[in-house]
């Protein structure tokens, strides 16, 4: 299924919900839990997803590119030129690679917000991370509290109410800085090449060694 290009309304609703989210666990109504069960079932049923994305960084910079998701645990964000960055998760680690600068930054997947998006067993209807649910005629917004070493803050997920499909997310860090990602032209169920999610650990180790030597 393909989504239309993102609208300004979609960008604003995700940012607003994340900014206003409470930090206490949600006392969900029966209706809320039913909606959360629907979106959780839809999300857990998606093994692969690919398409295009638009990202708004905390400094207001807009970037875009293509994304590929293979759950559990794998994702690739390939940014369009002039950006030279790609983000890859292989189920264990997350790599941010800058081709121009030849820099490799690696973090454990378990310590980033991506682990929630890539977890096929995430059940929003029972998770104590859910702190807020907002329902509009066409959208469902869910806010999760995320407390890890690298990403303490909130993760706001926006789903299409009619299809229960993921449309957008916003990550808000401890300082209140937000990164918003909107998906469009999404396709589900395609066969994705395993090499899309490959991390070259040897190259990353060599780059780190070279950096240490140059800093001496």
N, C-alpha and C. Protein backbone atom coordinates (compact mmCIF):
# COMPACT_ATOMS: atom_id res chain seq x y z
N UNK A 1 0.84 -1.20 0.00
CA UNK A 1 0.00 0.00 0.00
C UNK A 1 0.88 1.24 0.00
N UNK A 2 0.49 2.29 -0.74
CA UNK A 2 1.25 3.53 -0.80
C UNK A 2 0.52 4.63 -0.06
N UNK A 3 1.28 5.49 0.63
CA UNK A 3 0.73 6.64 1.32
C UNK A 3 1.01 7.88 0.51
N UNK A 4 0.18 8.92 0.60
CA UNK A 4 0.47 10.17 -0.08
C UNK A 4 1.63 10.88 0.61
N UNK A 5 2.18 11.88 -0.05
CA UNK A 5 3.24 12.69 0.55
C UNK A 5 2.73 13.33 1.83
N UNK A 6 3.61 13.55 2.83
CA UNK A 6 3.20 14.06 4.12
C UNK A 6 2.69 15.49 4.03
N UNK A 7 1.77 15.82 4.93
CA UNK A 7 1.22 17.16 4.99
C UNK A 7 1.74 17.88 6.22
N UNK A 8 1.63 19.21 6.22
CA UNK A 8 2.07 19.99 7.37
C UNK A 8 1.27 19.60 8.61
N UNK A 9 -0.01 19.25 8.44
CA UNK A 9 -0.83 18.84 9.58
C UNK A 9 -0.24 17.61 10.25
N UNK A 10 0.23 16.66 9.45
CA UNK A 10 0.82 15.45 10.02
C UNK A 10 2.07 15.77 10.80
N UNK A 11 2.90 16.70 10.27
CA UNK A 11 4.12 17.07 10.98
C UNK A 11 3.79 17.70 12.33
N UNK A 12 2.83 18.61 12.33
CA UNK A 12 2.53 19.36 13.54
C UNK A 12 1.89 18.49 14.61
N UNK A 13 1.01 17.56 14.23
CA UNK A 13 0.30 16.78 15.23
C UNK A 13 1.26 15.89 16.00
N UNK A 14 2.26 15.33 15.32
CA UNK A 14 3.22 14.48 16.02
C UNK A 14 4.07 15.28 16.99
N UNK A 15 4.51 16.47 16.58
CA UNK A 15 5.34 17.30 17.44
C UNK A 15 4.56 17.76 18.67
N UNK A 16 3.32 18.18 18.48
CA UNK A 16 2.52 18.68 19.58
C UNK A 16 2.24 17.58 20.60
N UNK A 17 1.86 16.41 20.12
CA UNK A 17 1.56 15.32 21.05
C UNK A 17 2.77 14.92 21.86
N UNK A 18 3.93 14.88 21.24
CA UNK A 18 5.14 14.50 21.97
C UNK A 18 5.51 15.56 23.00
N UNK A 19 5.31 16.83 22.65
CA UNK A 19 5.68 17.90 23.56
C UNK A 19 4.79 17.93 24.80
N UNK A 20 3.52 17.55 24.64
CA UNK A 20 2.57 17.63 25.74
C UNK A 20 2.43 16.33 26.52
N UNK A 21 3.15 15.30 26.13
CA UNK A 21 2.95 13.99 26.72
C UNK A 21 3.30 13.97 28.20
N UNK A 22 2.45 13.37 29.05
CA UNK A 22 2.79 13.20 30.46
C UNK A 22 3.77 12.06 30.61
N UNK A 23 4.37 11.93 31.80
CA UNK A 23 5.36 10.88 32.01
C UNK A 23 4.81 9.74 32.86
N UNK A 24 3.63 9.88 33.41
CA UNK A 24 3.05 8.80 34.20
C UNK A 24 2.45 7.75 33.27
N UNK A 25 2.38 6.50 33.75
CA UNK A 25 1.78 5.44 32.95
C UNK A 25 0.32 5.76 32.67
N UNK A 26 -0.15 5.39 31.52
CA UNK A 26 -1.51 5.72 31.08
C UNK A 26 -2.55 4.85 31.76
N UNK A 27 -3.61 5.50 32.25
CA UNK A 27 -4.79 4.77 32.73
C UNK A 27 -5.75 4.68 31.55
N UNK A 28 -5.53 3.71 30.67
CA UNK A 28 -6.25 3.64 29.41
C UNK A 28 -7.69 3.19 29.60
N UNK A 29 -8.57 3.76 28.78
CA UNK A 29 -9.95 3.32 28.77
C UNK A 29 -10.05 2.02 27.96
N UNK A 30 -11.20 1.38 28.05
CA UNK A 30 -11.42 0.16 27.27
C UNK A 30 -11.32 0.45 25.79
N UNK A 31 -11.83 1.61 25.37
CA UNK A 31 -11.76 1.98 23.95
C UNK A 31 -10.31 2.20 23.53
N UNK A 32 -9.53 2.87 24.41
CA UNK A 32 -8.11 3.07 24.11
C UNK A 32 -7.40 1.74 23.92
N UNK A 33 -7.65 0.80 24.83
CA UNK A 33 -6.97 -0.49 24.77
C UNK A 33 -7.37 -1.27 23.52
N UNK A 34 -8.61 -1.14 23.11
CA UNK A 34 -9.05 -1.82 21.88
C UNK A 34 -8.32 -1.25 20.67
N UNK A 35 -8.20 0.08 20.62
CA UNK A 35 -7.47 0.71 19.51
C UNK A 35 -5.99 0.32 19.53
N UNK A 36 -5.41 0.28 20.73
CA UNK A 36 -4.00 -0.08 20.85
C UNK A 36 -3.78 -1.54 20.46
N UNK A 37 -4.73 -2.39 20.77
CA UNK A 37 -4.63 -3.79 20.36
C UNK A 37 -4.65 -3.91 18.85
N UNK A 38 -5.50 -3.12 18.20
CA UNK A 38 -5.61 -3.16 16.74
C UNK A 38 -4.29 -2.73 16.08
N UNK A 39 -3.72 -1.60 16.55
CA UNK A 39 -2.49 -1.13 15.91
C UNK A 39 -1.32 -2.06 16.23
N UNK A 40 -1.33 -2.66 17.44
CA UNK A 40 -0.26 -3.59 17.80
C UNK A 40 -0.31 -4.84 16.92
N UNK A 41 -1.52 -5.34 16.68
CA UNK A 41 -1.66 -6.52 15.82
C UNK A 41 -1.20 -6.20 14.40
N UNK A 42 -1.57 -5.01 13.92
CA UNK A 42 -1.15 -4.61 12.58
C UNK A 42 0.36 -4.50 12.49
N UNK A 43 0.96 -3.86 13.50
CA UNK A 43 2.39 -3.65 13.50
C UNK A 43 3.15 -4.96 13.63
N UNK A 44 2.67 -5.86 14.50
CA UNK A 44 3.37 -7.13 14.69
C UNK A 44 3.24 -8.03 13.46
N UNK A 45 2.23 -7.78 12.63
CA UNK A 45 2.05 -8.59 11.43
C UNK A 45 2.91 -8.14 10.26
N UNK A 46 3.62 -7.02 10.43
CA UNK A 46 4.46 -6.51 9.35
C UNK A 46 5.88 -7.06 9.53
N UNK A 47 6.30 -7.90 8.59
CA UNK A 47 7.67 -8.42 8.65
C UNK A 47 8.63 -7.54 7.86
N UNK A 48 8.17 -6.99 6.74
CA UNK A 48 9.01 -6.06 5.98
C UNK A 48 8.19 -4.85 5.56
N UNK A 49 8.88 -3.73 5.44
CA UNK A 49 8.26 -2.47 5.04
C UNK A 49 9.34 -1.61 4.39
N UNK A 50 9.01 -0.95 3.31
CA UNK A 50 9.97 -0.03 2.70
C UNK A 50 9.22 1.11 2.03
N UNK A 51 9.94 2.20 1.81
CA UNK A 51 9.32 3.36 1.20
C UNK A 51 10.23 4.57 1.32
N UNK A 52 9.62 5.74 1.43
CA UNK A 52 10.36 6.99 1.54
C UNK A 52 10.02 7.69 2.84
N UNK A 53 10.92 8.56 3.27
CA UNK A 53 10.68 9.29 4.52
C UNK A 53 11.16 10.73 4.39
N UNK A 54 10.55 11.58 5.22
CA UNK A 54 11.01 12.95 5.41
C UNK A 54 11.32 13.11 6.89
N UNK A 55 12.49 13.69 7.18
CA UNK A 55 12.91 13.87 8.57
C UNK A 55 13.14 15.34 8.85
N UNK A 56 12.61 15.81 10.00
CA UNK A 56 12.87 17.15 10.48
C UNK A 56 13.72 17.04 11.74
N UNK A 57 14.92 17.61 11.69
CA UNK A 57 15.85 17.55 12.81
C UNK A 57 15.54 18.66 13.82
N UNK A 58 16.09 18.57 15.04
CA UNK A 58 15.82 19.60 16.06
C UNK A 58 16.20 21.01 15.63
N UNK A 59 17.20 21.15 14.73
CA UNK A 59 17.60 22.48 14.26
C UNK A 59 16.75 22.99 13.11
N UNK A 60 15.70 22.21 12.74
CA UNK A 60 14.81 22.62 11.67
C UNK A 60 15.22 22.14 10.30
N UNK A 61 16.38 21.51 10.20
CA UNK A 61 16.84 21.00 8.91
C UNK A 61 15.95 19.86 8.43
N UNK A 62 15.62 19.87 7.16
CA UNK A 62 14.79 18.82 6.56
C UNK A 62 15.65 17.93 5.68
N UNK A 63 15.54 16.63 5.89
CA UNK A 63 16.23 15.65 5.07
C UNK A 63 15.24 14.58 4.65
N UNK A 64 15.57 13.86 3.61
CA UNK A 64 14.68 12.81 3.15
C UNK A 64 15.49 11.68 2.54
N UNK A 65 14.81 10.58 2.28
CA UNK A 65 15.50 9.44 1.69
C UNK A 65 14.59 8.23 1.64
N UNK A 66 15.20 7.08 1.59
CA UNK A 66 14.47 5.80 1.51
C UNK A 66 14.73 5.00 2.77
N UNK A 67 13.72 4.22 3.17
CA UNK A 67 13.89 3.37 4.35
C UNK A 67 13.51 1.93 4.01
N UNK A 68 14.10 1.00 4.76
CA UNK A 68 13.84 -0.43 4.62
C UNK A 68 13.78 -1.02 6.02
N UNK A 69 12.71 -1.73 6.34
CA UNK A 69 12.55 -2.36 7.65
C UNK A 69 12.30 -3.84 7.47
N UNK A 70 13.04 -4.65 8.22
CA UNK A 70 12.81 -6.10 8.26
C UNK A 70 12.81 -6.50 9.72
N UNK A 71 11.63 -6.75 10.25
CA UNK A 71 11.52 -7.08 11.67
C UNK A 71 11.65 -8.59 11.86
N UNK A 72 12.30 -8.98 12.98
CA UNK A 72 12.72 -8.12 14.09
C UNK A 72 14.10 -7.50 13.88
N UNK A 73 14.22 -6.26 14.36
CA UNK A 73 15.52 -5.69 14.62
C UNK A 73 16.30 -5.05 13.51
N UNK A 74 15.80 -5.06 12.26
CA UNK A 74 16.64 -4.56 11.17
C UNK A 74 15.98 -3.38 10.46
N UNK A 75 16.81 -2.38 10.16
CA UNK A 75 16.32 -1.20 9.45
C UNK A 75 17.48 -0.53 8.74
N UNK A 76 17.16 0.15 7.66
CA UNK A 76 18.13 0.99 6.96
C UNK A 76 17.45 2.29 6.55
N UNK A 77 18.07 3.42 6.90
CA UNK A 77 17.66 4.73 6.41
C UNK A 77 18.78 5.24 5.52
N UNK A 78 18.46 5.42 4.25
CA UNK A 78 19.44 5.90 3.28
C UNK A 78 19.04 7.31 2.87
N UNK A 79 19.83 8.30 3.30
CA UNK A 79 19.49 9.70 3.04
C UNK A 79 19.88 10.09 1.62
N UNK A 80 19.03 10.90 1.00
CA UNK A 80 19.30 11.38 -0.36
C UNK A 80 20.44 12.40 -0.36
N UNK A 81 21.18 12.51 -1.48
CA UNK A 81 22.19 13.56 -1.61
C UNK A 81 21.53 14.94 -1.46
N UNK A 82 22.25 15.93 -0.92
CA UNK A 82 23.70 15.90 -0.69
C UNK A 82 24.13 15.21 0.60
N UNK A 83 23.20 14.73 1.42
CA UNK A 83 23.60 14.00 2.62
C UNK A 83 24.37 12.75 2.24
N UNK A 84 25.33 12.37 3.06
CA UNK A 84 26.16 11.19 2.79
C UNK A 84 26.04 10.18 3.91
N UNK A 85 24.94 10.25 4.64
CA UNK A 85 24.77 9.43 5.84
C UNK A 85 23.79 8.29 5.60
N UNK A 86 24.06 7.16 6.22
CA UNK A 86 23.10 6.06 6.29
C UNK A 86 23.04 5.56 7.72
N UNK A 87 21.87 5.07 8.13
CA UNK A 87 21.67 4.49 9.45
C UNK A 87 21.22 3.05 9.25
N UNK A 88 21.93 2.11 9.87
CA UNK A 88 21.65 0.69 9.68
C UNK A 88 21.57 -0.01 11.03
N UNK A 89 20.54 -0.82 11.22
CA UNK A 89 20.45 -1.71 12.38
C UNK A 89 20.39 -3.14 11.87
N UNK A 90 21.21 -4.01 12.47
CA UNK A 90 21.29 -5.40 12.00
C UNK A 90 20.67 -6.39 12.98
N UNK A 91 19.93 -5.90 13.96
CA UNK A 91 19.33 -6.77 14.96
C UNK A 91 20.08 -6.75 16.27
N UNK A 92 21.32 -6.28 16.24
CA UNK A 92 22.16 -6.21 17.43
C UNK A 92 22.65 -4.80 17.71
N UNK A 93 23.08 -4.13 16.65
CA UNK A 93 23.67 -2.80 16.78
C UNK A 93 23.04 -1.83 15.80
N UNK A 94 23.26 -0.53 16.06
CA UNK A 94 22.85 0.53 15.14
C UNK A 94 24.11 1.27 14.71
N UNK A 95 24.31 1.37 13.40
CA UNK A 95 25.45 2.08 12.83
C UNK A 95 24.99 3.36 12.15
N UNK A 96 25.66 4.46 12.46
CA UNK A 96 25.51 5.70 11.70
C UNK A 96 26.81 5.88 10.92
N UNK A 97 26.71 5.77 9.60
CA UNK A 97 27.89 5.81 8.73
C UNK A 97 27.84 7.04 7.84
N UNK A 98 28.90 7.83 7.88
CA UNK A 98 29.03 8.98 6.99
C UNK A 98 30.06 8.63 5.94
N UNK A 99 29.60 8.43 4.71
CA UNK A 99 30.48 7.99 3.63
C UNK A 99 31.53 9.04 3.30
N UNK A 100 31.15 10.31 3.36
CA UNK A 100 32.08 11.38 3.02
C UNK A 100 33.19 11.50 4.05
N UNK A 101 32.82 11.46 5.32
CA UNK A 101 33.80 11.61 6.39
C UNK A 101 34.43 10.29 6.81
N UNK A 102 33.86 9.18 6.31
CA UNK A 102 34.32 7.84 6.66
C UNK A 102 34.32 7.64 8.18
N UNK A 103 33.21 8.04 8.80
CA UNK A 103 33.04 7.85 10.24
C UNK A 103 32.00 6.77 10.49
N UNK A 104 32.26 5.97 11.52
CA UNK A 104 31.38 4.87 11.91
C UNK A 104 31.05 5.05 13.39
N UNK A 105 29.78 5.28 13.70
CA UNK A 105 29.34 5.38 15.10
C UNK A 105 28.36 4.24 15.36
N UNK A 106 28.66 3.41 16.36
CA UNK A 106 27.86 2.22 16.64
C UNK A 106 27.35 2.26 18.06
N UNK A 107 26.04 1.94 18.23
CA UNK A 107 25.41 1.82 19.54
C UNK A 107 24.64 0.50 19.62
N UNK A 108 24.46 -0.02 20.81
CA UNK A 108 23.60 -1.20 20.95
C UNK A 108 22.16 -0.86 20.57
N UNK A 109 21.54 -1.67 19.76
CA UNK A 109 20.15 -1.44 19.37
C UNK A 109 19.25 -1.35 20.60
N UNK A 110 19.56 -2.14 21.63
CA UNK A 110 18.73 -2.19 22.84
C UNK A 110 18.71 -0.88 23.60
N UNK A 111 19.63 0.04 23.26
CA UNK A 111 19.71 1.31 23.96
C UNK A 111 19.25 2.48 23.11
N UNK A 112 18.48 2.20 22.06
CA UNK A 112 17.98 3.26 21.18
C UNK A 112 16.47 3.12 21.00
N UNK A 113 15.78 4.20 20.61
CA UNK A 113 14.32 4.11 20.38
C UNK A 113 13.95 3.16 19.25
N UNK A 114 14.88 2.88 18.35
CA UNK A 114 14.58 1.99 17.22
C UNK A 114 14.16 0.61 17.69
N UNK A 115 14.63 0.19 18.87
CA UNK A 115 14.29 -1.16 19.34
C UNK A 115 12.78 -1.32 19.50
N UNK A 116 12.08 -0.22 19.86
CA UNK A 116 10.63 -0.28 20.04
C UNK A 116 9.94 -0.42 18.69
N UNK A 117 10.39 0.32 17.69
CA UNK A 117 9.80 0.24 16.37
C UNK A 117 10.03 -1.12 15.73
N UNK A 118 11.15 -1.75 16.06
CA UNK A 118 11.54 -2.99 15.39
C UNK A 118 11.20 -4.24 16.20
N UNK A 119 10.50 -4.06 17.32
CA UNK A 119 10.13 -5.20 18.17
C UNK A 119 8.79 -5.78 17.71
N UNK A 120 8.78 -7.00 17.17
CA UNK A 120 7.52 -7.57 16.68
C UNK A 120 6.57 -7.97 17.81
N UNK A 121 7.07 -7.99 19.04
CA UNK A 121 6.24 -8.39 20.18
C UNK A 121 5.73 -7.21 20.99
N UNK A 122 5.97 -5.99 20.52
CA UNK A 122 5.50 -4.82 21.25
C UNK A 122 3.98 -4.78 21.27
N UNK A 123 3.40 -4.79 22.47
CA UNK A 123 1.94 -4.73 22.63
C UNK A 123 1.61 -3.42 23.34
N UNK A 124 1.15 -2.46 22.57
CA UNK A 124 0.86 -1.14 23.13
C UNK A 124 -0.30 -1.15 24.11
N UNK A 125 -1.17 -2.17 24.01
CA UNK A 125 -2.34 -2.22 24.89
C UNK A 125 -1.98 -2.65 26.31
N UNK A 126 -0.81 -3.26 26.50
CA UNK A 126 -0.40 -3.72 27.83
C UNK A 126 0.90 -3.08 28.30
N UNK A 127 1.60 -2.39 27.43
CA UNK A 127 2.90 -1.83 27.79
C UNK A 127 2.77 -0.70 28.80
N UNK A 128 3.60 -0.76 29.86
CA UNK A 128 3.58 0.32 30.84
C UNK A 128 4.38 1.53 30.37
N UNK A 129 4.94 1.46 29.17
CA UNK A 129 5.63 2.61 28.59
C UNK A 129 4.65 3.63 27.99
N UNK A 130 3.43 3.19 27.70
CA UNK A 130 2.45 4.09 27.07
C UNK A 130 1.97 5.11 28.09
N UNK A 131 2.12 6.39 27.76
CA UNK A 131 1.74 7.46 28.68
C UNK A 131 0.59 8.32 28.17
N UNK A 132 0.27 8.20 26.89
CA UNK A 132 -0.81 9.03 26.36
C UNK A 132 -1.33 8.44 25.06
N UNK A 133 -2.66 8.51 24.87
CA UNK A 133 -3.29 8.10 23.62
C UNK A 133 -4.24 9.21 23.19
N UNK A 134 -4.10 9.67 21.94
CA UNK A 134 -5.01 10.68 21.40
C UNK A 134 -5.63 10.12 20.12
N UNK A 135 -6.94 10.29 20.01
CA UNK A 135 -7.66 9.75 18.87
C UNK A 135 -8.33 10.89 18.11
N UNK A 136 -8.02 10.99 16.82
CA UNK A 136 -8.65 11.95 15.91
C UNK A 136 -9.43 11.16 14.87
N UNK A 137 -10.25 11.82 14.07
CA UNK A 137 -11.02 11.07 13.07
C UNK A 137 -10.18 10.22 12.14
N UNK A 138 -8.95 10.67 11.85
CA UNK A 138 -8.13 9.94 10.89
C UNK A 138 -6.83 9.41 11.45
N UNK A 139 -6.49 9.74 12.71
CA UNK A 139 -5.20 9.37 13.27
C UNK A 139 -5.33 8.85 14.70
N UNK A 140 -4.41 7.99 15.08
CA UNK A 140 -4.24 7.56 16.47
C UNK A 140 -2.81 7.88 16.86
N UNK A 141 -2.65 8.62 17.96
CA UNK A 141 -1.32 8.99 18.42
C UNK A 141 -1.04 8.31 19.75
N UNK A 142 0.12 7.68 19.85
CA UNK A 142 0.51 6.96 21.07
C UNK A 142 1.86 7.47 21.52
N UNK A 143 1.98 7.84 22.79
CA UNK A 143 3.23 8.33 23.34
C UNK A 143 3.79 7.29 24.31
N UNK A 144 5.07 6.94 24.11
CA UNK A 144 5.74 6.00 24.99
C UNK A 144 6.90 6.70 25.69
N UNK A 145 7.04 6.42 26.98
CA UNK A 145 8.20 6.90 27.72
C UNK A 145 9.37 5.95 27.47
N UNK A 146 10.50 6.51 27.08
CA UNK A 146 11.67 5.69 26.75
C UNK A 146 12.82 6.11 27.65
N UNK A 147 13.29 5.19 28.47
CA UNK A 147 14.37 5.51 29.41
C UNK A 147 15.51 4.52 29.23
N UNK A 148 16.45 4.89 28.37
CA UNK A 148 17.64 4.08 28.16
C UNK A 148 18.85 4.99 28.26
N UNK A 149 20.04 4.39 28.24
CA UNK A 149 21.28 5.14 28.41
C UNK A 149 21.43 6.22 27.36
N UNK A 150 21.03 5.92 26.11
CA UNK A 150 21.28 6.84 25.02
C UNK A 150 20.05 7.65 24.61
N UNK A 151 18.88 7.28 25.09
CA UNK A 151 17.69 7.87 24.48
C UNK A 151 16.56 8.16 25.46
N UNK A 152 16.89 8.57 26.68
CA UNK A 152 15.83 8.90 27.62
C UNK A 152 14.97 10.03 27.05
N UNK A 153 13.66 9.85 27.07
CA UNK A 153 12.74 10.84 26.52
C UNK A 153 11.44 10.18 26.16
N UNK A 154 10.80 10.66 25.09
CA UNK A 154 9.54 10.08 24.66
C UNK A 154 9.60 9.72 23.18
N UNK A 155 8.81 8.71 22.84
CA UNK A 155 8.63 8.29 21.45
C UNK A 155 7.15 8.38 21.14
N UNK A 156 6.82 9.23 20.16
CA UNK A 156 5.43 9.42 19.75
C UNK A 156 5.21 8.69 18.43
N UNK A 157 4.24 7.78 18.40
CA UNK A 157 3.90 7.02 17.19
C UNK A 157 2.55 7.48 16.68
N UNK A 158 2.43 7.70 15.39
CA UNK A 158 1.17 8.10 14.77
C UNK A 158 0.74 7.03 13.78
N UNK A 159 -0.50 6.55 13.94
CA UNK A 159 -1.05 5.51 13.09
C UNK A 159 -2.25 6.03 12.33
N UNK A 160 -2.46 5.50 11.14
CA UNK A 160 -3.67 5.78 10.39
C UNK A 160 -4.83 5.06 11.06
N UNK A 161 -5.91 5.79 11.40
CA UNK A 161 -6.99 5.15 12.15
C UNK A 161 -7.74 4.12 11.31
N UNK A 162 -7.87 4.37 10.02
CA UNK A 162 -8.63 3.46 9.17
C UNK A 162 -7.90 2.14 8.94
N UNK A 163 -6.57 2.21 8.80
CA UNK A 163 -5.79 1.01 8.46
C UNK A 163 -4.93 0.50 9.60
N UNK A 164 -4.77 1.30 10.67
CA UNK A 164 -3.89 0.98 11.81
C UNK A 164 -2.43 0.89 11.41
N UNK A 165 -2.05 1.49 10.28
CA UNK A 165 -0.67 1.42 9.81
C UNK A 165 0.13 2.62 10.32
N UNK A 166 1.41 2.36 10.60
CA UNK A 166 2.30 3.40 11.11
C UNK A 166 2.55 4.45 10.04
N UNK A 167 2.38 5.72 10.43
CA UNK A 167 2.58 6.82 9.48
C UNK A 167 3.75 7.72 9.85
N UNK A 168 4.03 7.83 11.16
CA UNK A 168 4.97 8.86 11.60
C UNK A 168 5.45 8.56 13.01
N UNK A 169 6.65 9.06 13.34
CA UNK A 169 7.07 9.04 14.74
C UNK A 169 7.90 10.28 15.05
N UNK A 170 7.91 10.65 16.34
CA UNK A 170 8.71 11.76 16.84
C UNK A 170 9.48 11.28 18.07
N UNK A 171 10.79 11.52 18.06
CA UNK A 171 11.62 11.23 19.23
C UNK A 171 11.93 12.55 19.91
N UNK A 172 11.60 12.64 21.22
CA UNK A 172 11.89 13.83 22.01
C UNK A 172 12.88 13.45 23.09
N UNK A 173 14.04 14.12 23.13
CA UNK A 173 15.08 13.73 24.09
C UNK A 173 14.88 14.46 25.42
N UNK A 174 15.83 14.26 26.34
CA UNK A 174 15.72 14.83 27.68
C UNK A 174 15.70 16.35 27.68
N UNK A 175 16.31 16.95 26.66
CA UNK A 175 16.35 18.42 26.57
C UNK A 175 15.13 18.99 25.84
N UNK A 176 14.22 18.10 25.43
CA UNK A 176 13.03 18.55 24.71
C UNK A 176 13.25 18.72 23.22
N UNK A 177 14.42 18.32 22.71
CA UNK A 177 14.69 18.43 21.28
C UNK A 177 14.01 17.29 20.54
N UNK A 178 13.39 17.62 19.41
CA UNK A 178 12.56 16.65 18.68
C UNK A 178 13.11 16.34 17.29
N UNK A 179 13.06 15.07 16.95
CA UNK A 179 13.33 14.62 15.59
C UNK A 179 12.08 13.92 15.09
N UNK A 180 11.54 14.40 13.98
CA UNK A 180 10.27 13.90 13.46
C UNK A 180 10.50 13.21 12.13
N UNK A 181 9.93 12.02 11.98
CA UNK A 181 10.05 11.24 10.74
C UNK A 181 8.66 10.87 10.26
N UNK A 182 8.36 11.19 9.00
CA UNK A 182 7.09 10.83 8.39
C UNK A 182 7.34 9.90 7.21
N UNK A 183 6.55 8.83 7.12
CA UNK A 183 6.70 7.84 6.07
C UNK A 183 5.67 8.07 4.96
N UNK A 184 6.07 7.80 3.72
CA UNK A 184 5.11 7.84 2.62
C UNK A 184 5.58 6.91 1.51
N UNK A 185 4.69 6.68 0.55
CA UNK A 185 4.94 5.69 -0.51
C UNK A 185 5.39 4.35 0.08
N UNK A 186 4.70 3.95 1.13
CA UNK A 186 5.08 2.75 1.88
C UNK A 186 4.57 1.49 1.18
N UNK A 187 5.43 0.48 1.11
CA UNK A 187 5.07 -0.84 0.61
C UNK A 187 5.36 -1.87 1.69
N UNK A 188 4.47 -2.84 1.82
CA UNK A 188 4.58 -3.85 2.88
C UNK A 188 4.70 -5.24 2.26
N UNK A 189 5.60 -6.06 2.84
CA UNK A 189 5.69 -7.45 2.43
C UNK A 189 6.66 -7.74 1.31
N UNK A 190 7.45 -6.75 0.89
CA UNK A 190 8.43 -7.00 -0.16
C UNK A 190 9.60 -7.83 0.37
N UNK A 191 10.24 -8.55 -0.52
CA UNK A 191 11.47 -9.27 -0.17
C UNK A 191 12.63 -8.28 -0.21
N UNK A 192 13.32 -8.13 0.92
CA UNK A 192 14.41 -7.16 1.03
C UNK A 192 15.75 -7.89 1.15
N UNK A 193 16.73 -7.42 0.41
CA UNK A 193 18.05 -8.05 0.38
C UNK A 193 18.71 -7.98 1.75
N UNK A 194 19.25 -9.08 2.26
CA UNK A 194 19.92 -9.08 3.57
C UNK A 194 21.06 -8.08 3.66
N UNK A 195 21.74 -7.81 2.54
CA UNK A 195 22.88 -6.88 2.56
C UNK A 195 22.48 -5.46 2.92
N UNK A 196 21.20 -5.13 2.79
CA UNK A 196 20.73 -3.80 3.18
C UNK A 196 21.00 -3.53 4.66
N UNK A 197 21.05 -4.59 5.46
CA UNK A 197 21.14 -4.45 6.91
C UNK A 197 22.49 -4.94 7.45
N UNK A 198 23.47 -5.03 6.58
CA UNK A 198 24.78 -5.52 6.98
C UNK A 198 25.64 -4.39 7.54
N UNK A 199 26.26 -4.64 8.68
CA UNK A 199 27.19 -3.69 9.29
C UNK A 199 28.60 -4.26 9.14
N UNK A 200 29.50 -3.46 8.62
CA UNK A 200 30.89 -3.87 8.44
C UNK A 200 31.65 -3.54 9.74
N UNK A 201 31.63 -4.47 10.68
CA UNK A 201 32.27 -4.23 11.97
C UNK A 201 33.78 -4.08 11.84
N UNK A 202 34.39 -4.80 10.90
CA UNK A 202 35.84 -4.69 10.71
C UNK A 202 36.22 -3.28 10.26
N UNK A 203 35.43 -2.72 9.33
CA UNK A 203 35.71 -1.35 8.86
C UNK A 203 35.51 -0.35 9.99
N UNK A 204 34.48 -0.57 10.80
CA UNK A 204 34.23 0.33 11.93
C UNK A 204 35.36 0.28 12.94
N UNK A 205 35.87 -0.93 13.21
CA UNK A 205 36.99 -1.09 14.15
C UNK A 205 38.24 -0.42 13.61
N UNK A 206 38.51 -0.61 12.31
CA UNK A 206 39.68 0.01 11.70
C UNK A 206 39.59 1.53 11.72
N UNK A 207 38.40 2.07 11.46
CA UNK A 207 38.21 3.53 11.48
C UNK A 207 38.44 4.08 12.89
N UNK A 208 37.97 3.35 13.91
CA UNK A 208 38.17 3.78 15.30
C UNK A 208 39.65 3.76 15.67
N UNK A 209 40.37 2.74 15.19
CA UNK A 209 41.80 2.65 15.46
C UNK A 209 42.56 3.79 14.80
N UNK A 210 42.19 4.11 13.57
CA UNK A 210 42.83 5.21 12.86
C UNK A 210 42.58 6.53 13.55
N UNK A 211 41.38 6.71 14.07
CA UNK A 211 41.04 7.94 14.77
C UNK A 211 41.86 8.09 16.04
N UNK A 212 42.01 6.98 16.77
CA UNK A 212 42.81 7.03 18.00
C UNK A 212 44.27 7.38 17.69
N UNK A 213 44.80 6.79 16.62
CA UNK A 213 46.20 7.07 16.26
C UNK A 213 46.37 8.54 15.85
N UNK A 214 45.40 9.07 15.12
CA UNK A 214 45.52 10.46 14.66
C UNK A 214 45.37 11.47 15.79
N UNK A 215 44.73 11.04 16.90
CA UNK A 215 44.53 11.94 18.03
C UNK A 215 45.69 11.92 19.02
N UNK A 216 46.65 11.04 18.79
CA UNK A 216 47.80 10.97 19.71
C UNK A 216 48.73 12.17 19.54
